[in-house]
Amino acid sequence: FGEASRAGKVLEFILRGSRQICIMATEHEDFIHDTQIDYYGQYLASCSSDRTVKVWQIVDDNTQNLVATLRGHEGPVWQVAWAHPKY
């Protein structure tokens, strides 16, 4: 688990149980509107005015791997959410 804040094209987040602030370049081409870390704290999704959603695997405090870039939205993507793992 963790918390994320967004400003422009860079994310800062703190993983639960860690005291280190993680900073990552998102590869978004425009302002980031929302971010969510999944239930298990293993993936982070971000969405942007560049009309994409990006999904990152959080390996550790210093390593995040881009897993997918979801394209096809006709306008800015304002919000992302993860389903509870039960569903």
PDB file of N, CA and C in Angstrom:
ATOM      1  N   PHE A   1       0.839  -1.174   0.000  1.00  0.00           N
ATOM      2  CA  PHE A   1       0.000   0.000   0.000  1.00  0.00           C
ATOM      3  C   PHE A   1       0.878   1.230   0.000  1.00  0.00           C
ATOM      4  N   GLY A   2       0.310   2.339  -0.294  1.00  0.00           N
ATOM      5  CA  GLY A   2       1.084   3.557  -0.274  1.00  0.00           C
ATOM      6  C   GLY A   2       0.226   4.736  -0.646  1.00  0.00           C
ATOM      7  N   GLU A   3       0.872   5.854  -0.758  1.00  0.00           N
ATOM      8  CA  GLU A   3       0.214   7.068  -1.166  1.00  0.00           C
ATOM      9  C   GLU A   3       1.013   7.663  -2.300  1.00  0.00           C
ATOM     10  N   ALA A   4       0.310   8.322  -3.219  1.00  0.00           N
ATOM     11  CA  ALA A   4       0.992   8.943  -4.348  1.00  0.00           C
ATOM     12  C   ALA A   4       0.473  10.360  -4.537  1.00  0.00           C
ATOM     13  N   SER A   5       1.341  11.249  -4.938  1.00  0.00           N
ATOM     14  CA  SER A   5       0.915  12.592  -5.312  1.00  0.00           C
ATOM     15  C   SER A   5       1.449  12.861  -6.695  1.00  0.00           C
ATOM     16  N   ARG A   6       0.779  13.743  -7.390  1.00  0.00           N
ATOM     17  CA  ARG A   6       1.184  13.974  -8.761  1.00  0.00           C
ATOM     18  C   ARG A   6       1.340  15.460  -9.013  1.00  0.00           C
ATOM     19  N   ALA A   7       2.336  15.796  -9.776  1.00  0.00           N
ATOM     20  CA  ALA A   7       2.580  17.171 -10.175  1.00  0.00           C
ATOM     21  C   ALA A   7       3.267  17.128 -11.526  1.00  0.00           C
ATOM     22  N   GLY A   8       2.554  17.479 -12.554  1.00  0.00           N
ATOM     23  CA  GLY A   8       3.142  17.437 -13.874  1.00  0.00           C
ATOM     24  C   GLY A   8       3.333  16.017 -14.340  1.00  0.00           C
ATOM     25  N   LYS A   9       4.566  15.630 -14.622  1.00  0.00           N
ATOM     26  CA  LYS A   9       4.853  14.322 -15.201  1.00  0.00           C
ATOM     27  C   LYS A   9       5.676  13.426 -14.274  1.00  0.00           C
ATOM     28  N   VAL A  10       5.830  13.826 -13.018  1.00  0.00           N
ATOM     29  CA  VAL A  10       6.634  13.072 -12.057  1.00  0.00           C
ATOM     30  C   VAL A  10       5.752  12.684 -10.875  1.00  0.00           C
ATOM     31  N   LEU A  11       5.916  11.458 -10.384  1.00  0.00           N
ATOM     32  CA  LEU A  11       5.169  10.994  -9.211  1.00  0.00           C
ATOM     33  C   LEU A  11       6.092  10.871  -8.020  1.00  0.00           C
ATOM     34  N   GLU A  12       5.567  11.213  -6.867  1.00  0.00           N
ATOM     35  CA  GLU A  12       6.235  10.937  -5.596  1.00  0.00           C
ATOM     36  C   GLU A  12       5.301  10.030  -4.811  1.00  0.00           C
ATOM     37  N   PHE A  13       5.837   8.957  -4.251  1.00  0.00           N
ATOM     38  CA  PHE A  13       4.998   8.085  -3.441  1.00  0.00           C
ATOM     39  C   PHE A  13       5.808   7.452  -2.332  1.00  0.00           C
ATOM     40  N   ILE A  14       5.097   7.062  -1.275  1.00  0.00           N
ATOM     41  CA  ILE A  14       5.703   6.393  -0.134  1.00  0.00           C
ATOM     42  C   ILE A  14       5.019   5.049   0.013  1.00  0.00           C
ATOM     43  N   LEU A  15       5.777   3.985  -0.039  1.00  0.00           N
ATOM     44  CA  LEU A  15       5.214   2.654   0.162  1.00  0.00           C
ATOM     45  C   LEU A  15       4.970   2.451   1.650  1.00  0.00           C
ATOM     46  N   ARG A  16       3.872   1.830   1.972  1.00  0.00           N
ATOM     47  CA  ARG A  16       3.554   1.569   3.373  1.00  0.00           C
ATOM     48  C   ARG A  16       4.667   0.722   3.983  1.00  0.00           C
ATOM     49  N   GLY A  17       5.101   1.092   5.141  1.00  0.00           N
ATOM     50  CA  GLY A  17       6.174   0.375   5.812  1.00  0.00           C
ATOM     51  C   GLY A  17       7.551   0.914   5.457  1.00  0.00           C
ATOM     52  N   SER A  18       7.584   1.904   4.573  1.00  0.00           N
ATOM     53  CA  SER A  18       8.851   2.494   4.162  1.00  0.00           C
ATOM     54  C   SER A  18       8.855   3.957   4.577  1.00  0.00           C
ATOM     55  N   ARG A  19      10.014   4.486   4.813  1.00  0.00           N
ATOM     56  CA  ARG A  19      10.122   5.913   5.139  1.00  0.00           C
ATOM     57  C   ARG A  19      10.711   6.699   3.983  1.00  0.00           C
ATOM     58  N   GLN A  20      11.047   6.007   2.912  1.00  0.00           N
ATOM     59  CA  GLN A  20      11.701   6.649   1.780  1.00  0.00           C
ATOM     60  C   GLN A  20      10.673   7.155   0.780  1.00  0.00           C
ATOM     61  N   ILE A  21      10.843   8.391   0.322  1.00  0.00           N
ATOM     62  CA  ILE A  21       9.995   8.940  -0.732  1.00  0.00           C
ATOM     63  C   ILE A  21      10.553   8.463  -2.070  1.00  0.00           C
ATOM     64  N   CYS A  22       9.705   7.832  -2.855  1.00  0.00           N
ATOM     65  CA  CYS A  22      10.097   7.341  -4.173  1.00  0.00           C
ATOM     66  C   CYS A  22       9.672   8.363  -5.207  1.00  0.00           C
ATOM     67  N   ILE A  23      10.562   8.696  -6.100  1.00  0.00           N
ATOM     68  CA  ILE A  23      10.264   9.639  -7.167  1.00  0.00           C
ATOM     69  C   ILE A  23      10.495   8.920  -8.485  1.00  0.00           C
ATOM     70  N   MET A  24       9.498   9.011  -9.384  1.00  0.00           N
ATOM     71  CA  MET A  24       9.640   8.336 -10.670  1.00  0.00           C
ATOM     72  C   MET A  24       9.115   9.210 -11.790  1.00  0.00           C
ATOM     73  N   ALA A  25       9.802   9.172 -12.919  1.00  0.00           N
ATOM     74  CA  ALA A  25       9.306   9.809 -14.137  1.00  0.00           C
ATOM     75  C   ALA A  25       8.244   8.886 -14.715  1.00  0.00           C
ATOM     76  N   THR A  26       7.117   9.428 -15.114  1.00  0.00           N
ATOM     77  CA  THR A  26       5.986   8.590 -15.511  1.00  0.00           C
ATOM     78  C   THR A  26       5.909   8.299 -17.002  1.00  0.00           C
ATOM     79  N   GLU A  27       6.646   9.026 -17.802  1.00  0.00           N
ATOM     80  CA  GLU A  27       6.575   8.913 -19.255  1.00  0.00           C
ATOM     81  C   GLU A  27       5.259   9.453 -19.811  1.00  0.00           C
ATOM     82  N   HIS A  28       4.441  10.088 -18.963  1.00  0.00           N
ATOM     83  CA  HIS A  28       3.255  10.774 -19.474  1.00  0.00           C
ATOM     84  C   HIS A  28       3.710  12.028 -20.207  1.00  0.00           C
ATOM     85  N   GLU A  29       2.946  12.422 -21.199  1.00  0.00           N
ATOM     86  CA  GLU A  29       3.298  13.600 -21.992  1.00  0.00           C
ATOM     87  C   GLU A  29       2.546  14.846 -21.551  1.00  0.00           C
ATOM     88  N   ASP A  30       1.693  14.727 -20.547  1.00  0.00           N
ATOM     89  CA  ASP A  30       0.913  15.854 -20.073  1.00  0.00           C
ATOM     90  C   ASP A  30       0.639  15.668 -18.578  1.00  0.00           C
ATOM     91  N   PHE A  31      -0.170  16.541 -18.003  1.00  0.00           N
ATOM     92  CA  PHE A  31      -0.441  16.549 -16.567  1.00  0.00           C
ATOM     93  C   PHE A  31      -1.115  15.251 -16.106  1.00  0.00           C
ATOM     94  N   ILE A  32      -0.694  14.740 -14.964  1.00  0.00           N
ATOM     95  CA  ILE A  32      -1.271  13.534 -14.366  1.00  0.00           C
ATOM     96  C   ILE A  32      -2.453  13.953 -13.489  1.00  0.00           C
ATOM     97  N   HIS A  33      -3.620  13.319 -13.703  1.00  0.00           N
ATOM     98  CA  HIS A  33      -4.819  13.677 -12.947  1.00  0.00           C
ATOM     99  C   HIS A  33      -5.068  12.785 -11.742  1.00  0.00           C
ATOM    100  N   ASP A  34      -4.702  11.511 -11.823  1.00  0.00           N
ATOM    101  CA  ASP A  34      -5.016  10.603 -10.722  1.00  0.00           C
ATOM    102  C   ASP A  34      -4.010   9.468 -10.698  1.00  0.00           C
ATOM    103  N   THR A  35      -3.803   8.916  -9.513  1.00  0.00           N
ATOM    104  CA  THR A  35      -2.957   7.725  -9.337  1.00  0.00           C
ATOM    105  C   THR A  35      -3.599   6.832  -8.290  1.00  0.00           C
ATOM    106  N   GLN A  36      -3.407   5.542  -8.428  1.00  0.00           N
ATOM    107  CA  GLN A  36      -3.905   4.588  -7.440  1.00  0.00           C
ATOM    108  C   GLN A  36      -2.925   3.432  -7.337  1.00  0.00           C
ATOM    109  N   ILE A  37      -2.647   3.024  -6.111  1.00  0.00           N
ATOM    110  CA  ILE A  37      -1.836   1.840  -5.862  1.00  0.00           C
ATOM    111  C   ILE A  37      -2.793   0.699  -5.556  1.00  0.00           C
ATOM    112  N   ASP A  38      -2.549  -0.480  -6.126  1.00  0.00           N
ATOM    113  CA  ASP A  38      -3.479  -1.601  -5.956  1.00  0.00           C
ATOM    114  C   ASP A  38      -3.497  -2.109  -4.513  1.00  0.00           C
ATOM    115  N   TYR A  39      -4.450  -2.965  -4.228  1.00  0.00           N
ATOM    116  CA  TYR A  39      -4.699  -3.503  -2.888  1.00  0.00           C
ATOM    117  C   TYR A  39      -3.444  -4.102  -2.248  1.00  0.00           C
ATOM    118  N   TYR A  40      -2.639  -4.795  -3.028  1.00  0.00           N
ATOM    119  CA  TYR A  40      -1.450  -5.465  -2.499  1.00  0.00           C
ATOM    120  C   TYR A  40      -0.200  -4.585  -2.509  1.00  0.00           C
ATOM    121  N   GLY A  41      -0.303  -3.385  -3.055  1.00  0.00           N
ATOM    122  CA  GLY A  41       0.843  -2.484  -3.112  1.00  0.00           C
ATOM    123  C   GLY A  41       1.880  -2.883  -4.132  1.00  0.00           C
ATOM    124  N   GLN A  42       1.482  -3.650  -5.139  1.00  0.00           N
ATOM    125  CA  GLN A  42       2.428  -4.134  -6.144  1.00  0.00           C
ATOM    126  C   GLN A  42       2.365  -3.371  -7.458  1.00  0.00           C
ATOM    127  N   TYR A  43       1.248  -2.690  -7.713  1.00  0.00           N
ATOM    128  CA  TYR A  43       1.074  -1.973  -8.981  1.00  0.00           C
ATOM    129  C   TYR A  43       0.546  -0.576  -8.723  1.00  0.00           C
ATOM    130  N   LEU A  44       0.956   0.344  -9.577  1.00  0.00           N
ATOM    131  CA  LEU A  44       0.487   1.710  -9.518  1.00  0.00           C
ATOM    132  C   LEU A  44      -0.066   2.064 -10.893  1.00  0.00           C
ATOM    133  N   ALA A  45      -1.252   2.657 -10.931  1.00  0.00           N
ATOM    134  CA  ALA A  45      -1.837   3.125 -12.183  1.00  0.00           C
ATOM    135  C   ALA A  45      -1.878   4.647 -12.143  1.00  0.00           C
ATOM    136  N   SER A  46      -1.610   5.275 -13.286  1.00  0.00           N
ATOM    137  CA  SER A  46      -1.688   6.726 -13.392  1.00  0.00           C
ATOM    138  C   SER A  46      -2.441   7.071 -14.673  1.00  0.00           C
ATOM    139  N   CYS A  47      -3.144   8.204 -14.636  1.00  0.00           N
ATOM    140  CA  CYS A  47      -3.861   8.654 -15.834  1.00  0.00           C
ATOM    141  C   CYS A  47      -3.573  10.127 -16.059  1.00  0.00           C
ATOM    142  N   SER A  48      -3.748  10.549 -17.316  1.00  0.00           N
ATOM    143  CA  SER A  48      -3.233  11.853 -17.690  1.00  0.00           C
ATOM    144  C   SER A  48      -4.073  12.520 -18.776  1.00  0.00           C
ATOM    145  N   SER A  49      -3.802  13.804 -18.957  1.00  0.00           N
ATOM    146  CA  SER A  49      -4.389  14.542 -20.077  1.00  0.00           C
ATOM    147  C   SER A  49      -3.853  14.072 -21.418  1.00  0.00           C
ATOM    148  N   ASP A  50      -2.798  13.270 -21.417  1.00  0.00           N
ATOM    149  CA  ASP A  50      -2.276  12.754 -22.687  1.00  0.00           C
ATOM    150  C   ASP A  50      -3.122  11.595 -23.226  1.00  0.00           C
ATOM    151  N   ARG A  51      -4.270  11.330 -22.560  1.00  0.00           N
ATOM    152  CA  ARG A  51      -5.261  10.326 -22.981  1.00  0.00           C
ATOM    153  C   ARG A  51      -4.779   8.894 -22.784  1.00  0.00           C
ATOM    154  N   THR A  52      -3.880   8.680 -21.825  1.00  0.00           N
ATOM    155  CA  THR A  52      -3.397   7.329 -21.551  1.00  0.00           C
ATOM    156  C   THR A  52      -3.535   6.987 -20.071  1.00  0.00           C
ATOM    157  N   VAL A  53      -3.544   5.682 -19.816  1.00  0.00           N
ATOM    158  CA  VAL A  53      -3.417   5.132 -18.466  1.00  0.00           C
ATOM    159  C   VAL A  53      -2.151   4.286 -18.488  1.00  0.00           C
ATOM    160  N   LYS A  54      -1.294   4.472 -17.527  1.00  0.00           N
ATOM    161  CA  LYS A  54      -0.059   3.684 -17.437  1.00  0.00           C
ATOM    162  C   LYS A  54      -0.103   2.847 -16.174  1.00  0.00           C
ATOM    163  N   VAL A  55       0.338   1.602 -16.287  1.00  0.00           N
ATOM    164  CA  VAL A  55       0.374   0.675 -15.158  1.00  0.00           C
ATOM    165  C   VAL A  55       1.825   0.303 -14.904  1.00  0.00           C
ATOM    166  N   TRP A  56       2.240   0.470 -13.666  1.00  0.00           N
ATOM    167  CA  TRP A  56       3.618   0.214 -13.252  1.00  0.00           C
ATOM    168  C   TRP A  56       3.655  -0.891 -12.216  1.00  0.00           C
ATOM    169  N   GLN A  57       4.641  -1.770 -12.314  1.00  0.00           N
ATOM    170  CA  GLN A  57       4.906  -2.742 -11.259  1.00  0.00           C
ATOM    171  C   GLN A  57       5.899  -2.101 -10.293  1.00  0.00           C
ATOM    172  N   ILE A  58       5.565  -2.098  -9.008  1.00  0.00           N
ATOM    173  CA  ILE A  58       6.455  -1.536  -8.001  1.00  0.00           C
ATOM    174  C   ILE A  58       7.312  -2.675  -7.477  1.00  0.00           C
ATOM    175  N   VAL A  59       8.572  -2.689  -7.862  1.00  0.00           N
ATOM    176  CA  VAL A  59       9.483  -3.754  -7.455  1.00  0.00           C
ATOM    177  C   VAL A  59      10.012  -3.475  -6.058  1.00  0.00           C
ATOM    178  N   ASP A  60      10.493  -2.269  -5.842  1.00  0.00           N
ATOM    179  CA  ASP A  60      10.962  -1.827  -4.530  1.00  0.00           C
ATOM    180  C   ASP A  60      10.950  -0.307  -4.520  1.00  0.00           C
ATOM    181  N   ASP A  61      11.524   0.301  -3.486  1.00  0.00           N
ATOM    182  CA  ASP A  61      11.500   1.759  -3.361  1.00  0.00           C
ATOM    183  C   ASP A  61      12.141   2.477  -4.542  1.00  0.00           C
ATOM    184  N   ASN A  62      13.075   1.839  -5.192  1.00  0.00           N
ATOM    185  CA  ASN A  62      13.825   2.499  -6.259  1.00  0.00           C
ATOM    186  C   ASN A  62      13.559   1.952  -7.655  1.00  0.00           C
ATOM    187  N   THR A  63      12.744   0.918  -7.782  1.00  0.00           N
ATOM    188  CA  THR A  63      12.552   0.278  -9.078  1.00  0.00           C
ATOM    189  C   THR A  63      11.068   0.104  -9.382  1.00  0.00           C
ATOM    190  N   GLN A  64      10.647   0.678 -10.493  1.00  0.00           N
ATOM    191  CA  GLN A  64       9.288   0.526 -10.989  1.00  0.00           C
ATOM    192  C   GLN A  64       9.384   0.197 -12.474  1.00  0.00           C
ATOM    193  N   ASN A  65       8.654  -0.830 -12.910  1.00  0.00           N
ATOM    194  CA  ASN A  65       8.682  -1.241 -14.312  1.00  0.00           C
ATOM    195  C   ASN A  65       7.353  -0.924 -14.971  1.00  0.00           C
ATOM    196  N   LEU A  66       7.401  -0.268 -16.121  1.00  0.00           N
ATOM    197  CA  LEU A  66       6.194   0.000 -16.879  1.00  0.00           C
ATOM    198  C   LEU A  66       5.665  -1.315 -17.434  1.00  0.00           C
ATOM    199  N   VAL A  67       4.429  -1.667 -17.091  1.00  0.00           N
ATOM    200  CA  VAL A  67       3.815  -2.926 -17.508  1.00  0.00           C
ATOM    201  C   VAL A  67       2.933  -2.711 -18.731  1.00  0.00           C
ATOM    202  N   ALA A  68       2.187  -1.598 -18.750  1.00  0.00           N
ATOM    203  CA  ALA A  68       1.253  -1.371 -19.855  1.00  0.00           C
ATOM    204  C   ALA A  68       0.966   0.112 -20.011  1.00  0.00           C
ATOM    205  N   THR A  69       0.729   0.507 -21.247  1.00  0.00           N
ATOM    206  CA  THR A  69       0.204   1.826 -21.567  1.00  0.00           C
ATOM    207  C   THR A  69      -1.106   1.601 -22.292  1.00  0.00           C
ATOM    208  N   LEU A  70      -2.188   2.048 -21.684  1.00  0.00           N
ATOM    209  CA  LEU A  70      -3.518   1.852 -22.250  1.00  0.00           C
ATOM    210  C   LEU A  70      -3.907   3.102 -23.028  1.00  0.00           C
ATOM    211  N   ARG A  71      -4.120   2.942 -24.325  1.00  0.00           N
ATOM    212  CA  ARG A  71      -4.452   4.061 -25.216  1.00  0.00           C
ATOM    213  C   ARG A  71      -5.871   3.879 -25.751  1.00  0.00           C
ATOM    214  N   GLY A  72      -6.377   4.888 -26.403  1.00  0.00           N
ATOM    215  CA  GLY A  72      -7.657   4.773 -27.064  1.00  0.00           C
ATOM    216  C   GLY A  72      -8.714   5.713 -26.515  1.00  0.00           C
ATOM    217  N   HIS A  73      -8.425   6.397 -25.432  1.00  0.00           N
ATOM    218  CA  HIS A  73      -9.375   7.367 -24.895  1.00  0.00           C
ATOM    219  C   HIS A  73      -9.434   8.572 -25.838  1.00  0.00           C
ATOM    220  N   GLU A  74     -10.604   9.157 -25.976  1.00  0.00           N
ATOM    221  CA  GLU A  74     -10.781  10.279 -26.890  1.00  0.00           C
ATOM    222  C   GLU A  74     -10.510  11.626 -26.227  1.00  0.00           C
ATOM    223  N   GLY A  75     -10.295  11.622 -24.941  1.00  0.00           N
ATOM    224  CA  GLY A  75     -10.011  12.851 -24.211  1.00  0.00           C
ATOM    225  C   GLY A  75      -9.175  12.539 -22.994  1.00  0.00           C
ATOM    226  N   PRO A  76      -8.949  13.528 -22.136  1.00  0.00           N
ATOM    227  CA  PRO A  76      -8.172  13.296 -20.927  1.00  0.00           C
ATOM    228  C   PRO A  76      -8.793  12.198 -20.071  1.00  0.00           C
ATOM    229  N   VAL A  77      -7.956  11.444 -19.382  1.00  0.00           N
ATOM    230  CA  VAL A  77      -8.431  10.428 -18.445  1.00  0.00           C
ATOM    231  C   VAL A  77      -8.310  11.058 -17.062  1.00  0.00           C
ATOM    232  N   TRP A  78      -9.439  11.176 -16.371  1.00  0.00           N
ATOM    233  CA  TRP A  78      -9.483  11.921 -15.127  1.00  0.00           C
ATOM    234  C   TRP A  78      -9.299  11.064 -13.885  1.00  0.00           C
ATOM    235  N   GLN A  79      -9.636   9.765 -13.966  1.00  0.00           N
ATOM    236  CA  GLN A  79      -9.603   8.964 -12.748  1.00  0.00           C
ATOM    237  C   GLN A  79      -9.302   7.504 -13.070  1.00  0.00           C
ATOM    238  N   VAL A  80      -8.580   6.837 -12.161  1.00  0.00           N
ATOM    239  CA  VAL A  80      -8.320   5.399 -12.256  1.00  0.00           C
ATOM    240  C   VAL A  80      -8.696   4.751 -10.929  1.00  0.00           C
ATOM    241  N   ALA A  81      -9.023   3.463 -10.972  1.00  0.00           N
ATOM    242  CA  ALA A  81      -9.363   2.729  -9.757  1.00  0.00           C
ATOM    243  C   ALA A  81      -9.053   1.262  -9.975  1.00  0.00           C
ATOM    244  N   TRP A  82      -8.718   0.578  -8.910  1.00  0.00           N
ATOM    245  CA  TRP A  82      -8.495  -0.857  -8.924  1.00  0.00           C
ATOM    246  C   TRP A  82      -9.715  -1.542  -8.320  1.00  0.00           C
ATOM    247  N   ALA A  83     -10.107  -2.653  -8.872  1.00  0.00           N
ATOM    248  CA  ALA A  83     -11.162  -3.455  -8.265  1.00  0.00           C
ATOM    249  C   ALA A  83     -10.591  -4.200  -7.060  1.00  0.00           C
ATOM    250  N   HIS A  84     -11.417  -4.463  -6.077  1.00  0.00           N
ATOM    251  CA  HIS A  84     -10.998  -5.260  -4.935  1.00  0.00           C
ATOM    252  C   HIS A  84     -10.629  -6.662  -5.458  1.00  0.00           C
ATOM    253  N   PRO A  85      -9.584  -7.295  -4.939  1.00  0.00           N
ATOM    254  CA  PRO A  85      -9.146  -8.590  -5.468  1.00  0.00           C
ATOM    255  C   PRO A  85     -10.202  -9.683  -5.385  1.00  0.00           C
ATOM    256  N   LYS A  86     -11.200  -9.510  -4.543  1.00  0.00           N
ATOM    257  CA  LYS A  86     -12.279 -10.490  -4.450  1.00  0.00           C
ATOM    258  C   LYS A  86     -13.057 -10.560  -5.762  1.00  0.00           C
ATOM    259  N   TYR A  87     -13.045  -9.479  -6.528  1.00  0.00           N
ATOM    260  CA  TYR A  87     -13.806  -9.429  -7.783  1.00  0.00           C
ATOM    261  C   TYR A  87     -12.862  -9.558  -8.926  1.00  0.00           C
TER     262      TYR A  87
END
